[in-house]
Amino acid sequence: MEKSETLVFDIEKFSVQDGPGIRSVVFLKGCPLHCLWCHNPESQSFQKEIMFSERLCIYCGGCQSVCPEHCHSITENNHLFHRKNCIFCGKCTEKCYSAALGICGKEMSVDEVLTEVMKDKLFYDNSGGGVTLSGGEPLAHPVFTEDFLKKAKDSGLHTAVETSGFAAVHSIEKIFPFVDLWLWDIKALPSQYKDLTGADWNIVAENLHFISEHGGSIILRCPMIPGINDSEENLNFIAALATSTSGVKQVDLEPYHPLGTEKRCKLGKGNQFAAEMYGKGELEIKAEQLRNLTDIPVSVFTI
């Protein structure tokens, strides 16, 4: 049975883009999807990972001297990191003076996360904010997510969940009473979904229907990747989905940004995907096209 604790790879304070008001966003590590353009590739694995930037390395040999598995081989101007031997003890990251090494993923309990989030409750209360669970995929951590949301509501917090919607429906049923807002990612056309994300669109659609039928409040969040999922056909699909799904309050268009490129390199995965960034005002043109197709408010999300 899953424990009421999980890997957290970040807690972002004072977010104003992940639900109403000022919020803390808790990023859980692990996702069943593998979106080609993911700008947080460190969120995909359910295991701890070491991020290594040779660009920052000063070749001091500190990591090499403390690693019990001899994962680091350093010469005067070269640093080889043998990832397959790593046991994620973190000793090398603690010894790294230049921050070239870092461990991604910290085991945290529900109470530990809630304690951190509650430090800023005054800001939530004054701004109408709260806490947002993101990832990775929160629904891939069902026990932690349910327990955390229950305690967050008991603590008087507004709750939001950012999700791909790719999960067993019973996971959604269990947390539904404790979620004030669903930030629902719509990543591609149904015909593209499997190839671009690894997920089954039918499961995503069925779960979105469940949320809608039970009166959930929804914001559709749509990443726009130039030449991949930003065509007129895609916009027509988003508009039709937003219009036909009761509970959808807003559509957010999110611009592609190559934030994940360097992160993939730090994870030893190389640069597996690249696309052009939108020029100034180009995404707003897409938003205006979408506004002409639906009465649902459309906003442009900024990174």
Protein backbone atom coordinates (compact mmCIF):
# COMPACT_ATOMS: atom_id res chain seq x y z
CA MET A 1 0.00 0.00 0.00
CA GLU A 2 1.26 3.48 -0.88
CA LYS A 3 2.39 5.46 2.13
CA SER A 4 1.07 8.93 2.91
CA GLU A 5 4.40 10.40 1.85
CA THR A 6 6.00 10.88 -1.53
CA LEU A 7 8.82 12.53 -3.46
CA VAL A 8 8.51 16.29 -3.80
CA PHE A 9 10.87 18.04 -6.21
CA ASP A 10 9.87 21.63 -5.50
CA ILE A 11 7.54 23.87 -3.48
CA GLU A 12 7.11 27.17 -5.26
CA LYS A 13 6.00 30.08 -3.10
CA PHE A 14 4.07 33.19 -4.16
CA SER A 15 2.78 31.78 -7.44
CA VAL A 16 0.08 33.85 -9.12
CA GLN A 17 -0.47 31.69 -12.20
CA ASP A 18 -1.67 28.38 -10.79
CA GLY A 19 -5.09 29.29 -9.47
CA PRO A 20 -6.61 32.39 -7.86
CA GLY A 21 -4.66 34.67 -5.56
CA ILE A 22 -1.22 34.04 -4.11
CA ARG A 23 -0.47 30.32 -3.89
CA SER A 24 2.08 27.72 -2.97
CA VAL A 25 2.53 25.08 -5.65
CA VAL A 26 3.68 21.64 -4.53
CA PHE A 27 5.37 19.66 -7.31
CA LEU A 28 5.18 15.89 -6.84
CA LYS A 29 7.78 13.77 -8.62
CA GLY A 30 6.55 11.12 -11.02
CA CYS A 31 4.31 11.19 -14.10
CA PRO A 32 2.87 8.44 -16.33
CA LEU A 33 3.03 10.75 -19.34
CA HIS A 34 6.12 11.46 -21.39
CA CYS A 35 5.28 14.65 -23.26
CA LEU A 36 7.96 15.39 -25.82
CA TRP A 37 8.12 19.09 -24.88
CA CYS A 38 8.01 18.70 -21.09
CA HIS A 39 9.75 21.69 -19.50
CA ASN A 40 10.11 19.83 -16.20
CA PRO A 41 11.68 16.52 -17.30
CA GLU A 42 12.89 16.01 -13.73
CA SER A 43 9.22 15.53 -12.84
CA GLN A 44 8.76 12.39 -14.94
CA SER A 45 10.67 9.74 -12.99
CA PHE A 46 9.21 8.37 -9.76
CA GLN A 47 12.74 7.99 -8.39
CA LYS A 48 15.30 10.44 -7.08
CA GLU A 49 17.70 11.74 -9.73
CA ILE A 50 21.01 13.56 -9.78
CA MET A 51 21.22 16.66 -11.94
CA PHE A 52 24.74 17.44 -13.14
CA SER A 53 25.93 20.49 -15.03
CA GLU A 54 29.50 20.11 -16.26
CA ARG A 55 29.36 23.79 -17.26
CA LEU A 56 29.36 24.69 -13.56
CA CYS A 57 31.94 22.13 -12.50
CA ILE A 58 35.28 23.51 -11.23
CA TYR A 59 36.94 20.05 -11.24
CA CYS A 60 37.83 20.30 -7.57
CA GLY A 61 37.37 16.57 -6.98
CA GLY A 62 35.21 17.01 -3.90
CA CYS A 63 32.46 14.75 -5.20
CA GLN A 64 34.94 12.10 -6.24
CA SER A 65 36.45 12.02 -2.77
CA VAL A 66 33.17 11.27 -0.96
CA CYS A 67 31.19 9.10 -3.40
CA PRO A 68 30.98 5.56 -1.96
CA GLU A 69 30.19 4.06 -5.38
CA HIS A 70 32.97 5.86 -7.31
CA CYS A 71 30.48 7.49 -9.69
CA HIS A 72 32.71 10.47 -10.50
CA SER A 73 35.87 10.41 -12.62
CA ILE A 74 37.61 13.79 -12.76
CA THR A 75 40.67 15.00 -14.59
CA GLU A 76 41.99 18.54 -14.97
CA ASN A 77 39.22 19.59 -17.34
CA ASN A 78 36.86 16.63 -17.61
CA HIS A 79 34.19 15.19 -15.32
CA LEU A 80 32.48 11.89 -16.12
CA PHE A 81 29.45 10.98 -14.03
CA HIS A 82 28.62 7.26 -14.07
CA ARG A 83 24.90 7.42 -13.34
CA LYS A 84 24.20 3.70 -13.37
CA ASN A 85 26.23 3.24 -10.18
CA CYS A 86 24.54 6.05 -8.24
CA ILE A 87 22.63 5.13 -5.05
CA PHE A 88 21.37 8.72 -4.49
CA CYS A 89 23.03 9.12 -1.12
CA GLY A 90 23.51 12.82 -1.87
CA LYS A 91 27.05 12.99 -0.51
CA CYS A 92 28.44 14.37 -3.77
CA THR A 93 25.81 17.12 -3.89
CA GLU A 94 26.64 18.20 -0.34
CA LYS A 95 30.33 18.39 -1.23
CA CYS A 96 29.85 20.27 -4.53
CA TYR A 97 31.07 23.84 -3.98
CA SER A 98 29.92 25.13 -7.36
CA ALA A 99 26.36 23.70 -7.33
CA ALA A 100 27.14 21.60 -10.40
CA LEU A 101 25.49 18.62 -8.71
CA GLY A 102 22.05 18.50 -7.13
CA ILE A 103 19.67 15.78 -6.02
CA CYS A 104 16.13 16.03 -7.33
CA GLY A 105 13.41 14.60 -5.12
CA LYS A 106 12.90 14.75 -1.38
CA GLU A 107 10.78 12.27 0.54
CA MET A 108 8.17 14.29 2.45
CA SER A 109 5.14 13.38 4.51
CA VAL A 110 1.76 15.07 4.20
CA ASP A 111 2.31 16.88 7.48
CA GLU A 112 5.76 18.12 6.43
CA VAL A 113 4.42 19.56 3.19
CA LEU A 114 1.38 21.10 4.87
CA THR A 115 3.56 22.71 7.54
CA GLU A 116 5.65 24.35 4.81
CA VAL A 117 2.57 25.50 2.91
CA MET A 118 0.86 26.91 6.01
CA LYS A 119 3.75 29.30 6.64
CA ASP A 120 2.17 31.61 4.07
CA LYS A 121 -1.49 31.28 5.06
CA LEU A 122 -1.75 35.00 5.74
CA PHE A 123 -0.96 35.70 2.09
CA TYR A 124 -3.55 33.17 0.93
CA ASP A 125 -6.22 34.66 3.16
CA ASN A 126 -5.52 38.22 2.04
CA SER A 127 -5.46 37.39 -1.68
CA GLY A 128 -8.02 34.61 -2.04
CA GLY A 129 -5.21 32.16 -2.74
CA GLY A 130 -4.30 28.73 -1.46
CA VAL A 131 -2.36 25.63 -2.43
CA THR A 132 -2.00 23.87 -5.78
CA LEU A 133 -0.82 20.30 -6.22
CA SER A 134 1.12 19.85 -9.45
CA GLY A 135 3.82 17.57 -10.77
CA GLY A 136 4.60 15.34 -12.34
CA GLU A 137 1.10 14.04 -11.89
CA PRO A 138 -0.66 14.35 -8.51
CA LEU A 139 -3.15 11.62 -9.43
CA ALA A 140 -0.23 9.19 -9.72
CA HIS A 141 0.22 9.64 -5.94
CA PRO A 142 -3.37 8.88 -4.87
CA VAL A 143 -2.88 8.22 -1.14
CA PHE A 144 -0.63 11.24 -0.56
CA THR A 145 -2.84 13.49 -2.68
CA GLU A 146 -6.05 12.47 -0.93
CA ASP A 147 -4.58 12.83 2.56
CA PHE A 148 -2.95 16.16 1.76
CA LEU A 149 -6.07 17.68 0.23
CA LYS A 150 -8.20 16.57 3.17
CA LYS A 151 -5.84 18.23 5.64
CA ALA A 152 -5.51 21.33 3.48
CA LYS A 153 -9.27 21.78 3.45
CA ASP A 154 -9.44 21.16 7.20
CA SER A 155 -6.84 23.94 7.54
CA GLY A 156 -9.05 26.37 5.63
CA LEU A 157 -7.10 26.41 2.36
CA HIS A 158 -8.45 26.83 -1.17
CA THR A 159 -7.21 23.81 -3.13
CA ALA A 160 -6.38 23.29 -6.77
CA VAL A 161 -5.03 20.28 -8.62
CA GLU A 162 -3.12 20.56 -11.88
CA THR A 163 -3.52 17.28 -13.74
CA SER A 164 -3.33 15.59 -17.10
CA GLY A 165 -6.45 13.67 -16.11
CA PHE A 166 -4.77 10.39 -16.97
CA ALA A 167 -5.63 8.22 -13.98
CA ALA A 168 -8.12 5.67 -12.69
CA VAL A 169 -11.47 7.33 -12.11
CA HIS A 170 -11.64 6.07 -8.52
CA SER A 171 -8.58 8.23 -7.74
CA ILE A 172 -10.57 11.27 -8.86
CA GLU A 173 -13.70 10.16 -7.03
CA LYS A 174 -11.80 9.99 -3.74
CA ILE A 175 -10.30 13.48 -3.93
CA PHE A 176 -13.19 15.25 -5.68
CA PRO A 177 -14.80 16.56 -2.44
CA PHE A 178 -11.54 18.25 -1.45
CA VAL A 179 -10.72 20.05 -4.74
CA ASP A 180 -11.97 23.59 -5.34
CA LEU A 181 -10.44 23.99 -8.79
CA TRP A 182 -9.16 21.62 -11.48
CA LEU A 183 -6.38 22.87 -13.77
CA TRP A 184 -6.87 20.34 -16.55
CA ASP A 185 -4.14 19.95 -19.16
CA ILE A 186 -5.31 19.48 -22.74
CA LYS A 187 -2.17 18.64 -24.65
CA ALA A 188 -3.13 17.58 -28.17
CA LEU A 189 -5.82 16.34 -30.51
CA PRO A 190 -7.25 12.93 -29.58
CA SER A 191 -5.62 11.45 -32.69
CA GLN A 192 -2.21 12.77 -31.54
CA TYR A 193 -2.49 12.11 -27.83
CA LYS A 194 -0.89 8.69 -27.62
CA ASP A 195 2.05 9.53 -29.87
CA LEU A 196 2.83 12.88 -28.22
CA THR A 197 2.21 12.05 -24.57
CA GLY A 198 1.97 8.28 -24.13
CA ALA A 199 -1.51 8.68 -22.62
CA ASP A 200 -4.91 7.39 -23.74
CA TRP A 201 -7.18 10.31 -24.63
CA ASN A 202 -10.30 8.26 -23.89
CA ILE A 203 -9.32 7.97 -20.21
CA VAL A 204 -8.61 11.71 -20.02
CA ALA A 205 -11.96 12.51 -21.68
CA GLU A 206 -13.93 10.16 -19.41
CA ASN A 207 -12.39 11.69 -16.30
CA LEU A 208 -13.03 15.22 -17.53
CA HIS A 209 -16.65 14.21 -18.11
CA PHE A 210 -16.85 12.91 -14.53
CA ILE A 211 -15.56 16.21 -13.13
CA SER A 212 -17.98 18.15 -15.31
CA GLU A 213 -21.01 16.00 -14.45
CA HIS A 214 -20.33 16.36 -10.73
CA GLY A 215 -20.11 20.14 -10.79
CA GLY A 216 -16.35 20.66 -10.64
CA SER A 217 -14.78 24.02 -11.55
CA ILE A 218 -12.32 23.62 -14.41
CA ILE A 219 -9.69 25.66 -16.20
CA LEU A 220 -8.40 24.05 -19.37
CA ARG A 221 -4.64 24.56 -19.74
CA CYS A 222 -3.37 24.06 -23.26
CA PRO A 223 0.34 24.09 -24.11
CA MET A 224 0.89 25.50 -27.57
CA ILE A 225 3.87 23.93 -29.32
CA PRO A 226 4.57 25.62 -32.69
CA GLY A 227 4.04 23.19 -35.55
CA ILE A 228 2.92 20.40 -33.20
CA ASN A 229 -0.42 21.19 -31.60
CA ASP A 230 -1.22 24.81 -32.45
CA SER A 231 -3.05 24.31 -35.74
CA GLU A 232 -6.52 25.61 -36.59
CA GLU A 233 -7.79 22.08 -36.06
CA ASN A 234 -6.38 22.08 -32.54
CA LEU A 235 -7.98 25.43 -31.75
CA ASN A 236 -11.34 24.21 -33.04
CA PHE A 237 -11.03 21.13 -30.83
CA ILE A 238 -10.19 23.18 -27.73
CA ALA A 239 -13.08 25.55 -28.37
CA ALA A 240 -15.56 22.70 -28.85
CA LEU A 241 -14.32 20.95 -25.70
CA ALA A 242 -14.52 24.12 -23.61
CA THR A 243 -17.99 24.99 -24.88
CA SER A 244 -19.43 21.50 -24.40
CA THR A 245 -17.94 20.87 -20.94
CA SER A 246 -19.96 22.41 -18.15
CA GLY A 247 -17.77 23.71 -15.38
CA VAL A 248 -15.07 25.10 -17.66
CA LYS A 249 -14.52 28.66 -16.45
CA GLN A 250 -11.50 29.62 -18.55
CA VAL A 251 -9.00 28.41 -21.13
CA ASP A 252 -5.30 29.15 -20.64
CA LEU A 253 -2.93 28.98 -23.60
CA GLU A 254 0.60 28.18 -22.46
CA PRO A 255 3.56 29.06 -24.73
CA TYR A 256 6.30 26.56 -25.43
CA HIS A 257 9.59 27.45 -23.80
CA PRO A 258 12.79 25.36 -24.06
CA LEU A 259 13.14 25.27 -20.26
CA GLY A 260 13.50 21.51 -20.40
CA THR A 261 16.44 21.45 -22.80
CA GLU A 262 19.19 22.13 -20.27
CA LYS A 263 17.42 20.08 -17.62
CA ARG A 264 17.40 17.01 -19.87
CA CYS A 265 21.12 17.43 -20.36
CA LYS A 266 21.62 17.70 -16.58
CA LEU A 267 19.70 14.43 -16.22
CA GLY A 268 21.93 12.73 -18.77
CA LYS A 269 19.06 12.40 -21.26
CA GLY A 270 20.37 14.77 -23.92
CA ASN A 271 18.32 17.24 -25.90
CA GLN A 272 15.50 15.05 -27.20
CA PHE A 273 13.12 17.75 -28.41
CA ALA A 274 13.26 21.30 -29.69
CA ALA A 275 10.73 23.68 -31.20
CA GLU A 276 10.62 27.34 -32.09
CA MET A 277 9.41 29.80 -29.47
CA TYR A 278 6.55 32.13 -30.28
CA GLY A 279 7.50 35.65 -31.21
CA LYS A 280 6.04 38.64 -29.40
CA GLY A 281 2.27 38.71 -29.76
CA GLU A 282 2.04 35.47 -31.76
CA LEU A 283 0.34 33.48 -29.01
CA GLU A 284 -2.09 36.34 -28.42
CA ILE A 285 -3.15 35.92 -32.06
CA LYS A 286 -3.93 32.26 -31.30
CA ALA A 287 -5.87 33.35 -28.25
CA GLU A 288 -7.92 35.81 -30.28
CA GLN A 289 -8.70 33.08 -32.82
CA LEU A 290 -9.92 30.91 -29.96
CA ARG A 291 -12.03 33.72 -28.52
CA ASN A 292 -13.84 33.91 -31.86
CA LEU A 293 -14.77 30.23 -31.48
CA THR A 294 -16.10 30.19 -27.91
CA ASP A 295 -17.64 32.44 -25.28
CA ILE A 296 -15.39 30.90 -22.60
CA PRO A 297 -12.74 33.44 -21.45
CA VAL A 298 -9.29 32.80 -22.92
CA SER A 299 -6.05 33.98 -21.36
CA VAL A 300 -2.40 33.71 -22.31
CA PHE A 301 -0.25 32.05 -19.68
CA THR A 302 3.26 33.46 -19.29
CA ILE A 303 6.37 31.54 -18.21
